[in-house]
Amino acid sequence: MSPNISLLSDGKKFMWDGFLCDAKEDAARAGQSYQDNGFQIRIVEEGGKFLVYTRRPVKETAAAVQ
C-alpha cells in the first residue's frame, strides 16, 4: 500500500502525517491532537487502514506596503 502524500479537499491541500492506523478511533485520537494544535484534519480509509491528513490554516497577514 502506498497512500497519496497529499489530498485535496474543499479546494485545500492536506498532507498525510505518515502513519497508518488500524482503527478509526486511533486516527480520531491522532486527529484530535493535531486539531488541538491548530491544524485542520481529514481522516480517510484506504485499504482497511485509516490515514490522517492535516493542514495548518493560513493566518491573516498584514497588507502589503505600497
PDB file of N, CA and C in Angstrom:
ATOM      1  N   MET A   1       0.843  -1.174   0.000  1.00  0.00           N
ATOM      2  CA  MET A   1       0.000   0.000   0.000  1.00  0.00           C
ATOM      3  C   MET A   1       0.890   1.239   0.000  1.00  0.00           C
ATOM      4  N   SER A   2       0.608   2.139  -0.910  1.00  0.00           N
ATOM      5  CA  SER A   2       1.362   3.401  -0.951  1.00  0.00           C
ATOM      6  C   SER A   2       0.358   4.552  -1.030  1.00  0.00           C
ATOM      7  N   PRO A   3      -0.031   5.090   0.122  1.00  0.00           N
ATOM      8  CA  PRO A   3      -1.023   6.169   0.166  1.00  0.00           C
ATOM      9  C   PRO A   3      -0.516   7.437  -0.508  1.00  0.00           C
ATOM     10  N   ASN A   4      -1.460   8.235  -0.971  1.00  0.00           N
ATOM     11  CA  ASN A   4      -1.117   9.555  -1.509  1.00  0.00           C
ATOM     12  C   ASN A   4      -0.573  10.413  -0.376  1.00  0.00           C
ATOM     13  N   ILE A   5       0.480  11.141  -0.668  1.00  0.00           N
ATOM     14  CA  ILE A   5       1.083  12.002   0.356  1.00  0.00           C
ATOM     15  C   ILE A   5       0.245  13.256   0.583  1.00  0.00           C
ATOM     16  N   SER A   6      -0.554  13.629  -0.418  1.00  0.00           N
ATOM     17  CA  SER A   6      -1.400  14.816  -0.264  1.00  0.00           C
ATOM     18  C   SER A   6      -2.821  14.505  -0.713  1.00  0.00           C
ATOM     19  N   LEU A   7      -3.729  15.365  -0.276  1.00  0.00           N
ATOM     20  CA  LEU A   7      -5.152  15.198  -0.551  1.00  0.00           C
ATOM     21  C   LEU A   7      -5.751  16.581  -0.772  1.00  0.00           C
ATOM     22  N   LEU A   8      -6.561  16.718  -1.801  1.00  0.00           N
ATOM     23  CA  LEU A   8      -7.292  17.969  -1.997  1.00  0.00           C
ATOM     24  C   LEU A   8      -8.715  17.771  -1.492  1.00  0.00           C
ATOM     25  N   SER A   9      -9.154  18.648  -0.603  1.00  0.00           N
ATOM     26  CA  SER A   9     -10.497  18.587  -0.046  1.00  0.00           C
ATOM     27  C   SER A   9     -11.024  20.006   0.079  1.00  0.00           C
ATOM     28  N   ASP A  10     -12.168  20.265  -0.504  1.00  0.00           N
ATOM     29  CA  ASP A  10     -12.766  21.601  -0.484  1.00  0.00           C
ATOM     30  C   ASP A  10     -11.800  22.648  -1.047  1.00  0.00           C
ATOM     31  N   GLY A  11     -11.004  22.249  -2.044  1.00  0.00           N
ATOM     32  CA  GLY A  11     -10.067  23.175  -2.663  1.00  0.00           C
ATOM     33  C   GLY A  11      -8.840  23.481  -1.816  1.00  0.00           C
ATOM     34  N   LYS A  12      -8.622  22.716  -0.760  1.00  0.00           N
ATOM     35  CA  LYS A  12      -7.482  22.941   0.133  1.00  0.00           C
ATOM     36  C   LYS A  12      -6.602  21.702   0.151  1.00  0.00           C
ATOM     37  N   LYS A  13      -5.290  21.911   0.253  1.00  0.00           N
ATOM     38  CA  LYS A  13      -4.343  20.807   0.233  1.00  0.00           C
ATOM     39  C   LYS A  13      -4.033  20.349   1.660  1.00  0.00           C
ATOM     40  N   PHE A  14      -4.187  19.047   1.887  1.00  0.00           N
ATOM     41  CA  PHE A  14      -3.869  18.409   3.156  1.00  0.00           C
ATOM     42  C   PHE A  14      -2.717  17.452   2.918  1.00  0.00           C
ATOM     43  N   MET A  15      -1.858  17.292   3.919  1.00  0.00           N
ATOM     44  CA  MET A  15      -0.708  16.404   3.819  1.00  0.00           C
ATOM     45  C   MET A  15      -0.862  15.239   4.796  1.00  0.00           C
ATOM     46  N   TRP A  16      -0.525  14.033   4.328  1.00  0.00           N
ATOM     47  CA  TRP A  16      -0.594  12.832   5.157  1.00  0.00           C
ATOM     48  C   TRP A  16       0.473  12.899   6.238  1.00  0.00           C
ATOM     49  N   ASP A  17       0.131  12.495   7.460  1.00  0.00           N
ATOM     50  CA  ASP A  17       1.091  12.559   8.566  1.00  0.00           C
ATOM     51  C   ASP A  17       2.081  11.394   8.555  1.00  0.00           C
ATOM     52  N   GLY A  18       1.897  10.419   7.673  1.00  0.00           N
ATOM     53  CA  GLY A  18       2.859   9.337   7.516  1.00  0.00           C
ATOM     54  C   GLY A  18       2.580   8.091   8.330  1.00  0.00           C
ATOM     55  N   PHE A  19       1.498   8.092   9.097  1.00  0.00           N
ATOM     56  CA  PHE A  19       1.175   6.942   9.938  1.00  0.00           C
ATOM     57  C   PHE A  19      -0.080   6.234   9.437  1.00  0.00           C
ATOM     58  N   LEU A  20      -0.071   4.903   9.529  1.00  0.00           N
ATOM     59  CA  LEU A  20      -1.246   4.099   9.198  1.00  0.00           C
ATOM     60  C   LEU A  20      -1.892   3.656  10.501  1.00  0.00           C
ATOM     61  N   CYS A  21      -3.176   3.903  10.661  1.00  0.00           N
ATOM     62  CA  CYS A  21      -3.902   3.496  11.867  1.00  0.00           C
ATOM     63  C   CYS A  21      -4.790   2.307  11.532  1.00  0.00           C
ATOM     64  N   ASP A  22      -4.812   1.316  12.416  1.00  0.00           N
ATOM     65  CA  ASP A  22      -5.639   0.134  12.201  1.00  0.00           C
ATOM     66  C   ASP A  22      -7.106   0.396  12.506  1.00  0.00           C
ATOM     67  N   ALA A  23      -7.375   1.309  13.427  1.00  0.00           N
ATOM     68  CA  ALA A  23      -8.758   1.589  13.839  1.00  0.00           C
ATOM     69  C   ALA A  23      -9.076   3.067  13.653  1.00  0.00           C
ATOM     70  N   LYS A  24     -10.320   3.336  13.315  1.00  0.00           N
ATOM     71  CA  LYS A  24     -10.757   4.718  13.116  1.00  0.00           C
ATOM     72  C   LYS A  24     -10.589   5.522  14.409  1.00  0.00           C
ATOM     73  N   GLU A  25     -10.785   4.871  15.543  1.00  0.00           N
ATOM     74  CA  GLU A  25     -10.647   5.547  16.831  1.00  0.00           C
ATOM     75  C   GLU A  25      -9.214   6.038  17.043  1.00  0.00           C
ATOM     76  N   ASP A  26      -8.235   5.235  16.611  1.00  0.00           N
ATOM     77  CA  ASP A  26      -6.832   5.642  16.724  1.00  0.00           C
ATOM     78  C   ASP A  26      -6.559   6.871  15.858  1.00  0.00           C
ATOM     79  N   ALA A  27      -7.114   6.858  14.650  1.00  0.00           N
ATOM     80  CA  ALA A  27      -6.946   8.001  13.746  1.00  0.00           C
ATOM     81  C   ALA A  27      -7.627   9.240  14.324  1.00  0.00           C
ATOM     82  N   ALA A  28      -8.790   9.047  14.936  1.00  0.00           N
ATOM     83  CA  ALA A  28      -9.518  10.169  15.536  1.00  0.00           C
ATOM     84  C   ALA A  28      -8.728  10.775  16.692  1.00  0.00           C
ATOM     85  N   ARG A  29      -8.088   9.934  17.504  1.00  0.00           N
ATOM     86  CA  ARG A  29      -7.262  10.444  18.607  1.00  0.00           C
ATOM     87  C   ARG A  29      -6.076  11.243  18.069  1.00  0.00           C
ATOM     88  N   ALA A  30      -5.433  10.708  17.047  1.00  0.00           N
ATOM     89  CA  ALA A  30      -4.304  11.426  16.435  1.00  0.00           C
ATOM     90  C   ALA A  30      -4.794  12.737  15.838  1.00  0.00           C
ATOM     91  N   GLY A  31      -5.934  12.692  15.164  1.00  0.00           N
ATOM     92  CA  GLY A  31      -6.505  13.891  14.559  1.00  0.00           C
ATOM     93  C   GLY A  31      -6.842  14.942  15.599  1.00  0.00           C
ATOM     94  N   GLN A  32      -7.368  14.520  16.735  1.00  0.00           N
ATOM     95  CA  GLN A  32      -7.707  15.468  17.805  1.00  0.00           C
ATOM     96  C   GLN A  32      -6.464  16.171  18.313  1.00  0.00           C
ATOM     97  N   SER A  33      -5.382  15.426  18.405  1.00  0.00           N
ATOM     98  CA  SER A  33      -4.112  16.002  18.830  1.00  0.00           C
ATOM     99  C   SER A  33      -3.673  17.107  17.866  1.00  0.00           C
ATOM    100  N   TYR A  34      -3.813  16.843  16.571  1.00  0.00           N
ATOM    101  CA  TYR A  34      -3.477  17.871  15.572  1.00  0.00           C
ATOM    102  C   TYR A  34      -4.413  19.079  15.687  1.00  0.00           C
ATOM    103  N   GLN A  35      -5.713  18.819  15.841  1.00  0.00           N
ATOM    104  CA  GLN A  35      -6.682  19.916  15.958  1.00  0.00           C
ATOM    105  C   GLN A  35      -6.377  20.782  17.176  1.00  0.00           C
ATOM    106  N   ASP A  36      -5.979  20.159  18.265  1.00  0.00           N
ATOM    107  CA  ASP A  36      -5.637  20.909  19.475  1.00  0.00           C
ATOM    108  C   ASP A  36      -4.463  21.848  19.243  1.00  0.00           C
ATOM    109  N   ASN A  37      -3.661  21.548  18.218  1.00  0.00           N
ATOM    110  CA  ASN A  37      -2.505  22.382  17.874  1.00  0.00           C
ATOM    111  C   ASN A  37      -2.763  23.289  16.674  1.00  0.00           C
ATOM    112  N   GLY A  38      -4.042  23.487  16.332  1.00  0.00           N
ATOM    113  CA  GLY A  38      -4.405  24.462  15.306  1.00  0.00           C
ATOM    114  C   GLY A  38      -4.478  23.945  13.880  1.00  0.00           C
ATOM    115  N   PHE A  39      -4.416  22.635  13.675  1.00  0.00           N
ATOM    116  CA  PHE A  39      -4.499  22.065  12.335  1.00  0.00           C
ATOM    117  C   PHE A  39      -5.937  21.706  11.979  1.00  0.00           C
ATOM    118  N   GLN A  40      -6.229  21.703  10.692  1.00  0.00           N
ATOM    119  CA  GLN A  40      -7.467  21.126  10.184  1.00  0.00           C
ATOM    120  C   GLN A  40      -7.117  19.699   9.781  1.00  0.00           C
ATOM    121  N   ILE A  41      -8.059  18.774   9.906  1.00  0.00           N
ATOM    122  CA  ILE A  41      -7.757  17.373   9.581  1.00  0.00           C
ATOM    123  C   ILE A  41      -8.811  16.761   8.672  1.00  0.00           C
ATOM    124  N   ARG A  42      -8.412  15.700   8.007  1.00  0.00           N
ATOM    125  CA  ARG A  42      -9.311  14.824   7.266  1.00  0.00           C
ATOM    126  C   ARG A  42      -8.846  13.405   7.576  1.00  0.00           C
ATOM    127  N   ILE A  43      -9.782  12.509   7.859  1.00  0.00           N
ATOM    128  CA  ILE A  43      -9.464  11.102   8.081  1.00  0.00           C
ATOM    129  C   ILE A  43     -10.017  10.319   6.901  1.00  0.00           C
ATOM    130  N   VAL A  44      -9.148   9.492   6.302  1.00  0.00           N
ATOM    131  CA  VAL A  44      -9.504   8.748   5.097  1.00  0.00           C
ATOM    132  C   VAL A  44      -9.236   7.268   5.339  1.00  0.00           C
ATOM    133  N   GLU A  45     -10.179   6.410   4.911  1.00  0.00           N
ATOM    134  CA  GLU A  45      -9.952   4.970   4.975  1.00  0.00           C
ATOM    135  C   GLU A  45      -9.419   4.515   3.626  1.00  0.00           C
ATOM    136  N   GLU A  46      -8.335   3.749   3.664  1.00  0.00           N
ATOM    137  CA  GLU A  46      -7.738   3.235   2.433  1.00  0.00           C
ATOM    138  C   GLU A  46      -7.149   1.864   2.705  1.00  0.00           C
ATOM    139  N   GLY A  47      -7.634   0.871   1.992  1.00  0.00           N
ATOM    140  CA  GLY A  47      -7.110  -0.481   2.144  1.00  0.00           C
ATOM    141  C   GLY A  47      -7.280  -1.045   3.545  1.00  0.00           C
ATOM    142  N   GLY A  48      -8.355  -0.684   4.230  1.00  0.00           N
ATOM    143  CA  GLY A  48      -8.603  -1.176   5.581  1.00  0.00           C
ATOM    144  C   GLY A  48      -7.821  -0.450   6.668  1.00  0.00           C
ATOM    145  N   LYS A  49      -7.053   0.552   6.297  1.00  0.00           N
ATOM    146  CA  LYS A  49      -6.295   1.369   7.251  1.00  0.00           C
ATOM    147  C   LYS A  49      -6.873   2.781   7.235  1.00  0.00           C
ATOM    148  N   PHE A  50      -6.589   3.531   8.285  1.00  0.00           N
ATOM    149  CA  PHE A  50      -7.063   4.906   8.388  1.00  0.00           C
ATOM    150  C   PHE A  50      -5.873   5.848   8.366  1.00  0.00           C
ATOM    151  N   LEU A  51      -5.983   6.897   7.560  1.00  0.00           N
ATOM    152  CA  LEU A  51      -4.912   7.866   7.391  1.00  0.00           C
ATOM    153  C   LEU A  51      -5.406   9.236   7.842  1.00  0.00           C
ATOM    154  N   VAL A  52      -4.521   9.989   8.469  1.00  0.00           N
ATOM    155  CA  VAL A  52      -4.854  11.339   8.918  1.00  0.00           C
ATOM    156  C   VAL A  52      -4.110  12.332   8.016  1.00  0.00           C
ATOM    157  N   TYR A  53      -4.870  13.209   7.405  1.00  0.00           N
ATOM    158  CA  TYR A  53      -4.312  14.283   6.583  1.00  0.00           C
ATOM    159  C   TYR A  53      -4.516  15.595   7.327  1.00  0.00           C
ATOM    160  N   THR A  54      -3.518  16.452   7.305  1.00  0.00           N
ATOM    161  CA  THR A  54      -3.583  17.701   8.065  1.00  0.00           C
ATOM    162  C   THR A  54      -3.208  18.898   7.207  1.00  0.00           C
ATOM    163  N   ARG A  55      -3.642  20.055   7.660  1.00  0.00           N
ATOM    164  CA  ARG A  55      -3.189  21.319   7.078  1.00  0.00           C
ATOM    165  C   ARG A  55      -3.321  22.386   8.146  1.00  0.00           C
ATOM    166  N   ARG A  56      -2.412  23.326   8.102  1.00  0.00           N
ATOM    167  CA  ARG A  56      -2.481  24.454   9.030  1.00  0.00           C
ATOM    168  C   ARG A  56      -3.100  25.619   8.258  1.00  0.00           C
ATOM    169  N   PRO A  57      -4.215  26.149   8.747  1.00  0.00           N
ATOM    170  CA  PRO A  57      -4.856  27.274   8.040  1.00  0.00           C
ATOM    171  C   PRO A  57      -3.928  28.492   7.986  1.00  0.00           C
ATOM    172  N   VAL A  58      -4.034  29.220   6.911  1.00  0.00           N
ATOM    173  CA  VAL A  58      -3.248  30.441   6.732  1.00  0.00           C
ATOM    174  C   VAL A  58      -3.844  31.513   7.625  1.00  0.00           C
ATOM    175  N   LYS A  59      -2.968  32.160   8.392  1.00  0.00           N
ATOM    176  CA  LYS A  59      -3.434  33.260   9.243  1.00  0.00           C
ATOM    177  C   LYS A  59      -3.435  34.532   8.406  1.00  0.00           C
ATOM    178  N   GLU A  60      -4.227  35.484   8.818  1.00  0.00           N
ATOM    179  CA  GLU A  60      -4.265  36.760   8.110  1.00  0.00           C
ATOM    180  C   GLU A  60      -2.897  37.417   8.156  1.00  0.00           C
ATOM    181  N   THR A  61      -2.549  38.058   7.073  1.00  0.00           N
ATOM    182  CA  THR A  61      -1.281  38.765   7.018  1.00  0.00           C
ATOM    183  C   THR A  61      -1.516  40.257   6.893  1.00  0.00           C
ATOM    184  N   ALA A  62      -0.530  41.025   7.233  1.00  0.00           N
ATOM    185  CA  ALA A  62      -0.633  42.485   7.125  1.00  0.00           C
ATOM    186  C   ALA A  62      -0.687  42.866   5.652  1.00  0.00           C
ATOM    187  N   ALA A  63      -1.359  43.933   5.365  1.00  0.00           N
ATOM    188  CA  ALA A  63      -1.445  44.414   3.975  1.00  0.00           C
ATOM    189  C   ALA A  63      -0.051  44.799   3.486  1.00  0.00           C
ATOM    190  N   ALA A  64       0.173  44.570   2.211  1.00  0.00           N
ATOM    191  CA  ALA A  64       1.475  44.895   1.613  1.00  0.00           C
ATOM    192  C   ALA A  64       1.698  46.410   1.662  1.00  0.00           C
ATOM    193  N   VAL A  65       2.937  46.799   1.912  1.00  0.00           N
ATOM    194  CA  VAL A  65       3.295  48.213   1.954  1.00  0.00           C
ATOM    195  C   VAL A  65       3.345  48.726   0.523  1.00  0.00           C
ATOM    196  N   GLN A  66       2.720  49.873   0.286  1.00  0.00           N
ATOM    197  CA  GLN A  66       2.683  50.423  -1.070  1.00  0.00           C
ATOM    198  C   GLN A  66       3.561  51.626  -1.202  1.00  0.00           C
TER     199      GLN A  66
END
